[in-house]
Amino acid sequence: SLRRTIFLVMGVILCGAPADEPVYQFMDRKRAEGKPYKVYMMASANKFLRIYYATVKAYLDALEKDHDYLTAGGVFPEQLIKNFISMKRKECFEMSKISLS
């Protein structure tokens, strides 16, 4: 399930993320507040999903503005790139509605 997978990702972040990583800082803050393990893990998972969504959106925005290098020499057709961006934007929109709480 998605919840289990994200919970595993949070475990990896907890064990190995640098101290300046935003999700780790958030998780550490929740632990310091005395939140129970599952509460701070799920809150951190939701934070992770929001950051992931924003990152993918930023990459799609950049790709939409500058993808000439992909179409140069006929490597990828323009329509393929537009379709890819559109498909990924729809996926991101659906993902942005996910809440694990």
Protein backbone atom coordinates (compact mmCIF):
# COMPACT_ATOMS: atom_id res chain seq x y z
CA SER A 1 0.00 0.00 0.00
CA LEU A 2 1.03 3.62 -0.40
CA ARG A 3 0.97 4.20 3.35
CA ARG A 4 3.36 1.31 3.99
CA THR A 5 5.72 2.41 1.21
CA ILE A 6 5.83 6.00 2.42
CA PHE A 7 6.30 4.77 5.99
CA LEU A 8 9.40 2.86 4.78
CA VAL A 9 10.69 6.01 3.06
CA MET A 10 10.25 7.93 6.32
CA GLY A 11 12.29 5.24 8.11
CA VAL A 12 15.12 5.72 5.62
CA ILE A 13 14.98 9.49 6.06
CA LEU A 14 15.00 9.05 9.83
CA CYS A 15 18.09 6.82 9.70
CA GLY A 16 20.15 8.48 7.01
CA ALA A 17 19.04 11.96 6.06
CA PRO A 18 21.32 14.93 6.65
CA ALA A 19 20.25 17.18 9.51
CA ASP A 20 19.50 20.08 7.13
CA GLU A 21 17.02 18.07 5.05
CA PRO A 22 13.52 19.66 5.45
CA VAL A 23 11.57 16.44 6.10
CA TYR A 24 14.14 15.31 8.66
CA GLN A 25 13.97 18.70 10.41
CA PHE A 26 10.18 18.50 10.47
CA MET A 27 10.29 14.95 11.83
CA ASP A 28 12.84 15.90 14.46
CA ARG A 29 10.71 18.86 15.55
CA LYS A 30 7.65 16.62 15.95
CA ARG A 31 9.67 14.11 17.97
CA ALA A 32 10.94 16.93 20.20
CA GLU A 33 7.32 17.99 20.78
CA GLY A 34 6.73 14.51 22.20
CA LYS A 35 4.46 13.27 19.43
CA PRO A 36 3.96 9.49 19.30
CA TYR A 37 6.02 7.59 16.69
CA LYS A 38 3.16 6.90 14.27
CA VAL A 39 1.90 10.47 14.53
CA TYR A 40 5.21 12.10 13.64
CA MET A 41 5.92 9.50 10.96
CA MET A 42 2.56 10.10 9.23
CA ALA A 43 2.87 13.88 9.57
CA SER A 44 6.36 13.63 8.05
CA ALA A 45 5.05 11.42 5.27
CA ASN A 46 2.47 14.06 4.37
CA LYS A 47 5.21 16.71 4.43
CA PHE A 48 7.35 14.50 2.16
CA LEU A 49 4.48 14.12 -0.33
CA ARG A 50 3.92 17.90 -0.46
CA ILE A 51 7.63 18.55 -1.06
CA TYR A 52 7.76 15.79 -3.69
CA TYR A 53 4.71 17.21 -5.47
CA ALA A 54 6.18 20.73 -5.51
CA THR A 55 9.53 19.43 -6.81
CA VAL A 56 7.95 17.47 -9.65
CA LYS A 57 5.78 20.48 -10.53
CA ALA A 58 8.88 22.71 -10.67
CA TYR A 59 10.64 20.23 -12.95
CA LEU A 60 7.62 20.06 -15.25
CA ASP A 61 7.46 23.87 -15.38
CA ALA A 62 11.15 23.99 -16.33
CA LEU A 63 10.70 21.28 -18.95
CA GLU A 64 7.73 23.10 -20.44
CA LYS A 65 9.75 26.33 -20.75
CA ASP A 66 12.91 24.74 -22.09
CA HIS A 67 12.82 21.48 -23.98
CA ASP A 68 14.46 22.50 -27.24
CA TYR A 69 17.43 20.25 -26.49
CA LEU A 70 15.05 17.27 -26.55
CA THR A 71 13.56 18.15 -29.92
CA ALA A 72 16.86 19.09 -31.58
CA GLY A 73 17.69 16.70 -34.37
CA GLY A 74 14.28 15.06 -34.14
CA VAL A 75 15.15 13.06 -31.03
CA PHE A 76 11.70 13.57 -29.49
CA PRO A 77 8.66 15.00 -31.27
CA GLU A 78 7.24 18.19 -29.75
CA GLN A 79 3.84 16.54 -29.25
CA LEU A 80 5.36 13.67 -27.28
CA ILE A 81 6.90 16.12 -24.82
CA LYS A 82 3.65 18.08 -24.50
CA ASN A 83 1.71 14.86 -23.90
CA PHE A 84 4.25 13.72 -21.30
CA ILE A 85 4.04 17.03 -19.43
CA SER A 86 0.24 16.96 -19.53
CA MET A 87 0.10 13.36 -18.26
CA LYS A 88 2.54 14.08 -15.43
CA ARG A 89 0.66 17.24 -14.42
CA LYS A 90 -2.54 15.18 -14.10
CA GLU A 91 -0.71 12.59 -12.00
CA CYS A 92 0.73 15.32 -9.79
CA PHE A 93 -2.68 16.90 -9.34
CA GLU A 94 -4.12 13.56 -8.21
CA MET A 95 -1.14 12.98 -5.95
CA SER A 96 -1.52 16.41 -4.37
CA LYS A 97 -4.91 15.32 -3.00
CA ILE A 98 -3.41 12.36 -1.11
CA SER A 99 -3.35 12.58 2.65
CA LEU A 100 -2.13 9.68 4.77
CA SER A 101 -3.77 10.86 7.99
